[in-house]
């Protein structure tokens, strides 16, 4: 079983490398194969960083444009997935920042601050979502990438371009904050 999984991973990396080499020569079909193979994971990463389906799709599209423009700079000795994941994470972060700036510009000074409503009227899943939103964007991404998508600390470190030790520390702090936020709900964190 383990050897078949390892073989399948190696086959995927070989396919990626071949498609990347061809894409570097301008082969759009090879690039399309990469897009087809990796878009589900790219979307999952973008969706973990952003709160809407449409924003996640926009971030993935932007990321693929960045990949196409930078494909010549890809180091063939490295795995493609962490490189792509880093680009997707950056595109999602950039899009999120632009959205926040636009929202802040459009807020009326008379509006109440977000988060003033009590959570008692919300279902448990909404409470978890609200608790996640209260985390810093980096901590939220780390929790979702680790606990929802099952990425390893080193993979998250590569995506976010931070040390692996920082990922472990941020994950610990995020879980502590979630436990505190969710004590009334008795949700396991």
C-alpha atoms as a PDB file:
ATOM      1  CA  UNK A   1       0.000   0.000   0.000  1.00  0.00           C
ATOM      2  CA  UNK A   2       2.694   2.492   1.025  1.00  0.00           C
ATOM      3  CA  UNK A   3       4.772   1.689  -2.046  1.00  0.00           C
ATOM      4  CA  UNK A   4       1.775   2.237  -4.360  1.00  0.00           C
ATOM      5  CA  UNK A   5       1.132   5.650  -2.764  1.00  0.00           C
ATOM      6  CA  UNK A   6       4.809   6.559  -3.094  1.00  0.00           C
ATOM      7  CA  UNK A   7       4.762   5.406  -6.730  1.00  0.00           C
ATOM      8  CA  UNK A   8       1.678   7.458  -7.464  1.00  0.00           C
ATOM      9  CA  UNK A   9       3.275  10.551  -5.892  1.00  0.00           C
ATOM     10  CA  UNK A  10       6.429   9.993  -7.956  1.00  0.00           C
ATOM     11  CA  UNK A  11       4.314   9.589 -11.125  1.00  0.00           C
ATOM     12  CA  UNK A  12       2.541  12.856 -10.350  1.00  0.00           C
ATOM     13  CA  UNK A  13       5.847  14.666  -9.871  1.00  0.00           C
ATOM     14  CA  UNK A  14       7.170  13.229 -13.133  1.00  0.00           C
ATOM     15  CA  UNK A  15       4.042  14.398 -14.972  1.00  0.00           C
ATOM     16  CA  UNK A  16       4.394  17.832 -13.374  1.00  0.00           C
ATOM     17  CA  UNK A  17       8.058  18.103 -14.335  1.00  0.00           C
ATOM     18  CA  UNK A  18       7.381  17.074 -17.927  1.00  0.00           C
ATOM     19  CA  UNK A  19       4.462  19.506 -18.234  1.00  0.00           C
ATOM     20  CA  UNK A  20       6.550  22.295 -16.681  1.00  0.00           C
ATOM     21  CA  UNK A  21       9.413  21.686 -19.103  1.00  0.00           C
ATOM     22  CA  UNK A  22       6.988  21.820 -22.024  1.00  0.00           C
ATOM     23  CA  UNK A  23       5.191  24.879 -20.619  1.00  0.00           C
ATOM     24  CA  UNK A  24       8.555  26.647 -20.388  1.00  0.00           C
ATOM     25  CA  UNK A  25       8.777  26.297 -24.176  1.00  0.00           C
ATOM     26  CA  UNK A  26       5.330  27.885 -24.546  1.00  0.00           C
ATOM     27  CA  UNK A  27       3.260  24.698 -24.774  1.00  0.00           C
ATOM     28  CA  UNK A  28      -0.175  25.834 -23.580  1.00  0.00           C
ATOM     29  CA  UNK A  29      -1.553  22.280 -23.599  1.00  0.00           C
ATOM     30  CA  UNK A  30       1.080  21.206 -21.075  1.00  0.00           C
ATOM     31  CA  UNK A  31       0.257  24.227 -18.931  1.00  0.00           C
ATOM     32  CA  UNK A  32      -3.456  23.393 -19.209  1.00  0.00           C
ATOM     33  CA  UNK A  33      -2.664  19.898 -17.908  1.00  0.00           C
ATOM     34  CA  UNK A  34      -0.989  21.449 -14.843  1.00  0.00           C
ATOM     35  CA  UNK A  35      -3.985  23.720 -14.326  1.00  0.00           C
ATOM     36  CA  UNK A  36      -6.396  20.800 -14.604  1.00  0.00           C
ATOM     37  CA  UNK A  37      -4.380  18.633 -12.208  1.00  0.00           C
ATOM     38  CA  UNK A  38      -3.712  21.261  -9.525  1.00  0.00           C
ATOM     39  CA  UNK A  39      -6.713  23.618  -9.544  1.00  0.00           C
ATOM     40  CA  UNK A  40      -8.727  21.665  -6.936  1.00  0.00           C
ATOM     41  CA  UNK A  41      -5.895  21.956  -4.402  1.00  0.00           C
ATOM     42  CA  UNK A  42      -5.248  25.586  -5.375  1.00  0.00           C
ATOM     43  CA  UNK A  43      -8.922  26.377  -4.841  1.00  0.00           C
ATOM     44  CA  UNK A  44      -8.898  24.660  -1.437  1.00  0.00           C
ATOM     45  CA  UNK A  45      -5.955  26.801  -0.356  1.00  0.00           C
ATOM     46  CA  UNK A  46      -7.519  30.013  -1.652  1.00  0.00           C
ATOM     47  CA  UNK A  47     -10.858  29.156  -0.029  1.00  0.00           C
ATOM     48  CA  UNK A  48      -9.063  28.586   3.277  1.00  0.00           C
ATOM     49  CA  UNK A  49      -7.689  32.104   3.066  1.00  0.00           C
ATOM     50  CA  UNK A  50     -10.807  33.857   1.780  1.00  0.00           C
ATOM     51  CA  UNK A  51     -14.442  33.852   2.872  1.00  0.00           C
ATOM     52  CA  UNK A  52     -16.216  33.568  -0.441  1.00  0.00           C
ATOM     53  CA  UNK A  53     -16.292  31.153  -3.342  1.00  0.00           C
ATOM     54  CA  UNK A  54     -16.015  33.994  -5.870  1.00  0.00           C
ATOM     55  CA  UNK A  55     -12.970  35.508  -4.154  1.00  0.00           C
ATOM     56  CA  UNK A  56     -11.290  32.104  -3.994  1.00  0.00           C
ATOM     57  CA  UNK A  57     -11.905  31.566  -7.716  1.00  0.00           C
ATOM     58  CA  UNK A  58     -10.486  35.032  -8.463  1.00  0.00           C
ATOM     59  CA  UNK A  59      -7.394  34.283  -6.373  1.00  0.00           C
ATOM     60  CA  UNK A  60      -6.843  30.956  -8.155  1.00  0.00           C
ATOM     61  CA  UNK A  61      -7.166  32.635 -11.547  1.00  0.00           C
ATOM     62  CA  UNK A  62      -4.691  35.319 -10.501  1.00  0.00           C
ATOM     63  CA  UNK A  63      -2.328  32.658  -9.170  1.00  0.00           C
ATOM     64  CA  UNK A  64      -2.376  30.733 -12.462  1.00  0.00           C
ATOM     65  CA  UNK A  65      -1.567  33.966 -14.328  1.00  0.00           C
ATOM     66  CA  UNK A  66       1.383  34.500 -11.994  1.00  0.00           C
ATOM     67  CA  UNK A  67       2.522  30.894 -12.499  1.00  0.00           C
ATOM     68  CA  UNK A  68       2.378  31.293 -16.296  1.00  0.00           C
ATOM     69  CA  UNK A  69       4.441  34.482 -16.119  1.00  0.00           C
ATOM     70  CA  UNK A  70       6.986  32.918 -13.740  1.00  0.00           C
ATOM     71  CA  UNK A  71       7.160  29.362 -15.111  1.00  0.00           C
ATOM     72  CA  UNK A  72      10.632  30.044 -16.562  1.00  0.00           C
ATOM     73  CA  UNK A  73      11.913  30.762 -13.061  1.00  0.00           C
ATOM     74  CA  UNK A  74      10.617  27.497 -11.586  1.00  0.00           C
ATOM     75  CA  UNK A  75      13.469  25.350 -10.250  1.00  0.00           C
ATOM     76  CA  UNK A  76      13.016  21.862 -11.729  1.00  0.00           C
ATOM     77  CA  UNK A  77      14.765  20.299  -8.733  1.00  0.00           C
ATOM     78  CA  UNK A  78      11.885  21.393  -6.476  1.00  0.00           C
ATOM     79  CA  UNK A  79       8.353  20.039  -6.157  1.00  0.00           C
ATOM     80  CA  UNK A  80       5.733  22.032  -8.032  1.00  0.00           C
ATOM     81  CA  UNK A  81       2.949  21.812  -5.428  1.00  0.00           C
ATOM     82  CA  UNK A  82       4.642  23.876  -2.667  1.00  0.00           C
ATOM     83  CA  UNK A  83       5.663  26.500  -5.237  1.00  0.00           C
ATOM     84  CA  UNK A  84       2.115  26.719  -6.579  1.00  0.00           C
ATOM     85  CA  UNK A  85       0.681  26.734  -3.059  1.00  0.00           C
ATOM     86  CA  UNK A  86       2.887  29.668  -2.134  1.00  0.00           C
ATOM     87  CA  UNK A  87       1.738  31.610  -5.193  1.00  0.00           C
ATOM     88  CA  UNK A  88      -1.918  30.803  -4.467  1.00  0.00           C
ATOM     89  CA  UNK A  89      -1.518  31.854  -0.829  1.00  0.00           C
ATOM     90  CA  UNK A  90       0.074  35.136  -1.890  1.00  0.00           C
ATOM     91  CA  UNK A  91      -2.632  35.803  -4.495  1.00  0.00           C
ATOM     92  CA  UNK A  92      -5.347  35.100  -1.913  1.00  0.00           C
ATOM     93  CA  UNK A  93      -3.651  37.318   0.649  1.00  0.00           C
ATOM     94  CA  UNK A  94      -3.306  40.139  -1.886  1.00  0.00           C
ATOM     95  CA  UNK A  95      -6.950  39.838  -2.913  1.00  0.00           C
ATOM     96  CA  UNK A  96      -8.051  39.770   0.727  1.00  0.00           C
ATOM     97  CA  UNK A  97      -6.070  42.923   1.444  1.00  0.00           C
ATOM     98  CA  UNK A  98      -7.609  44.709  -1.531  1.00  0.00           C
ATOM     99  CA  UNK A  99     -11.117  43.674  -0.379  1.00  0.00           C
ATOM    100  CA  UNK A 100     -10.480  44.891   3.176  1.00  0.00           C
ATOM    101  CA  UNK A 101      -9.205  48.233   1.920  1.00  0.00           C
ATOM    102  CA  UNK A 102     -12.292  48.663  -0.300  1.00  0.00           C
ATOM    103  CA  UNK A 103     -14.616  47.688   2.544  1.00  0.00           C
ATOM    104  CA  UNK A 104     -12.917  50.074   4.952  1.00  0.00           C
ATOM    105  CA  UNK A 105     -13.212  52.884   2.431  1.00  0.00           C
ATOM    106  CA  UNK A 106     -16.933  52.262   2.026  1.00  0.00           C
ATOM    107  CA  UNK A 107     -17.828  51.938   5.720  1.00  0.00           C
ATOM    108  CA  UNK A 108     -20.036  54.617   7.143  1.00  0.00           C
ATOM    109  CA  UNK A 109     -18.679  56.210  10.317  1.00  0.00           C
ATOM    110  CA  UNK A 110     -22.072  55.521  11.957  1.00  0.00           C
ATOM    111  CA  UNK A 111     -21.839  51.746  11.505  1.00  0.00           C
ATOM    112  CA  UNK A 112     -21.283  49.551  14.508  1.00  0.00           C
ATOM    113  CA  UNK A 113     -18.081  47.552  14.779  1.00  0.00           C
ATOM    114  CA  UNK A 114     -18.169  43.965  13.516  1.00  0.00           C
ATOM    115  CA  UNK A 115     -18.375  41.206  16.110  1.00  0.00           C
ATOM    116  CA  UNK A 116     -20.663  43.066  18.551  1.00  0.00           C
ATOM    117  CA  UNK A 117     -23.486  40.563  18.094  1.00  0.00           C
ATOM    118  CA  UNK A 118     -23.578  37.711  20.609  1.00  0.00           C
ATOM    119  CA  UNK A 119     -22.902  34.185  19.425  1.00  0.00           C
ATOM    120  CA  UNK A 120     -25.756  32.684  21.428  1.00  0.00           C
ATOM    121  CA  UNK A 121     -28.120  32.937  18.447  1.00  0.00           C
ATOM    122  CA  UNK A 122     -25.768  31.066  16.150  1.00  0.00           C
ATOM    123  CA  UNK A 123     -25.419  27.336  15.559  1.00  0.00           C
ATOM    124  CA  UNK A 124     -22.209  25.582  16.537  1.00  0.00           C
ATOM    125  CA  UNK A 125     -20.762  25.683  13.023  1.00  0.00           C
ATOM    126  CA  UNK A 126     -21.365  29.388  12.782  1.00  0.00           C
ATOM    127  CA  UNK A 127     -19.645  29.832  16.152  1.00  0.00           C
ATOM    128  CA  UNK A 128     -16.590  27.983  14.852  1.00  0.00           C
ATOM    129  CA  UNK A 129     -16.577  30.108  11.688  1.00  0.00           C
ATOM    130  CA  UNK A 130     -16.831  33.265  13.773  1.00  0.00           C
ATOM    131  CA  UNK A 131     -13.996  32.103  16.034  1.00  0.00           C
ATOM    132  CA  UNK A 132     -11.846  31.412  12.979  1.00  0.00           C
ATOM    133  CA  UNK A 133     -12.565  34.885  11.631  1.00  0.00           C
ATOM    134  CA  UNK A 134     -11.285  36.377  14.879  1.00  0.00           C
ATOM    135  CA  UNK A 135      -7.900  34.802  14.371  1.00  0.00           C
ATOM    136  CA  UNK A 136      -5.256  36.777  12.554  1.00  0.00           C
ATOM    137  CA  UNK A 137      -5.273  35.966   8.832  1.00  0.00           C
ATOM    138  CA  UNK A 138      -1.996  34.059   9.156  1.00  0.00           C
ATOM    139  CA  UNK A 139      -3.208  31.961  12.097  1.00  0.00           C
ATOM    140  CA  UNK A 140      -6.497  31.236  10.329  1.00  0.00           C
ATOM    141  CA  UNK A 141      -4.629  30.065   7.212  1.00  0.00           C
ATOM    142  CA  UNK A 142      -2.345  27.861   9.309  1.00  0.00           C
ATOM    143  CA  UNK A 143      -5.256  26.230  11.157  1.00  0.00           C
ATOM    144  CA  UNK A 144      -7.218  25.573   7.984  1.00  0.00           C
ATOM    145  CA  UNK A 145      -4.216  24.327   6.011  1.00  0.00           C
ATOM    146  CA  UNK A 146      -3.151  22.019   8.858  1.00  0.00           C
ATOM    147  CA  UNK A 147      -6.410  20.835  10.403  1.00  0.00           C
ATOM    148  CA  UNK A 148      -8.746  20.915   7.408  1.00  0.00           C
ATOM    149  CA  UNK A 149      -6.443  20.175   4.480  1.00  0.00           C
ATOM    150  CA  UNK A 150      -3.955  18.037   6.390  1.00  0.00           C
ATOM    151  CA  UNK A 151      -0.788  19.811   5.277  1.00  0.00           C
ATOM    152  CA  UNK A 152       2.421  19.254   7.210  1.00  0.00           C
ATOM    153  CA  UNK A 153       4.155  22.053   9.111  1.00  0.00           C
ATOM    154  CA  UNK A 154       6.936  22.208   6.513  1.00  0.00           C
ATOM    155  CA  UNK A 155       4.413  22.442   3.643  1.00  0.00           C
ATOM    156  CA  UNK A 156       2.598  25.295   5.369  1.00  0.00           C
ATOM    157  CA  UNK A 157       5.936  26.976   6.029  1.00  0.00           C
ATOM    158  CA  UNK A 158       6.739  26.811   2.311  1.00  0.00           C
ATOM    159  CA  UNK A 159       3.324  28.190   1.328  1.00  0.00           C
ATOM    160  CA  UNK A 160       3.477  31.094   3.778  1.00  0.00           C
ATOM    161  CA  UNK A 161       7.235  31.611   3.453  1.00  0.00           C
ATOM    162  CA  UNK A 162       7.839  31.402   7.211  1.00  0.00           C
ATOM    163  CA  UNK A 163       9.952  29.025   9.340  1.00  0.00           C
ATOM    164  CA  UNK A 164       8.438  25.675  10.303  1.00  0.00           C
ATOM    165  CA  UNK A 165       8.870  26.539  13.993  1.00  0.00           C
ATOM    166  CA  UNK A 166       6.762  29.638  13.476  1.00  0.00           C
ATOM    167  CA  UNK A 167       4.026  27.478  11.951  1.00  0.00           C
ATOM    168  CA  UNK A 168       4.038  25.214  15.030  1.00  0.00           C
ATOM    169  CA  UNK A 169       3.944  28.181  17.419  1.00  0.00           C
ATOM    170  CA  UNK A 170       1.203  30.010  15.487  1.00  0.00           C
ATOM    171  CA  UNK A 171      -0.863  26.801  15.312  1.00  0.00           C
ATOM    172  CA  UNK A 172      -0.546  26.390  19.072  1.00  0.00           C
ATOM    173  CA  UNK A 173      -1.581  30.004  19.720  1.00  0.00           C
ATOM    174  CA  UNK A 174      -4.469  29.735  17.250  1.00  0.00           C
ATOM    175  CA  UNK A 175      -5.781  26.593  18.922  1.00  0.00           C
ATOM    176  CA  UNK A 176      -5.542  28.279  22.329  1.00  0.00           C
ATOM    177  CA  UNK A 177      -7.506  31.268  20.996  1.00  0.00           C
ATOM    178  CA  UNK A 178     -10.104  28.965  19.449  1.00  0.00           C
ATOM    179  CA  UNK A 179     -10.483  27.027  22.716  1.00  0.00           C
ATOM    180  CA  UNK A 180     -11.082  30.274  24.581  1.00  0.00           C
ATOM    181  CA  UNK A 181     -13.567  31.514  21.972  1.00  0.00           C
ATOM    182  CA  UNK A 182     -15.463  28.238  21.924  1.00  0.00           C
ATOM    183  CA  UNK A 183     -15.557  27.323  25.641  1.00  0.00           C
ATOM    184  CA  UNK A 184     -19.320  27.903  25.825  1.00  0.00           C
ATOM    185  CA  UNK A 185     -19.870  25.671  22.817  1.00  0.00           C
ATOM    186  CA  UNK A 186     -17.784  22.724  24.053  1.00  0.00           C
ATOM    187  CA  UNK A 187     -16.223  22.305  20.605  1.00  0.00           C
ATOM    188  CA  UNK A 188     -13.079  20.195  20.565  1.00  0.00           C
ATOM    189  CA  UNK A 189     -10.068  22.117  19.263  1.00  0.00           C
END
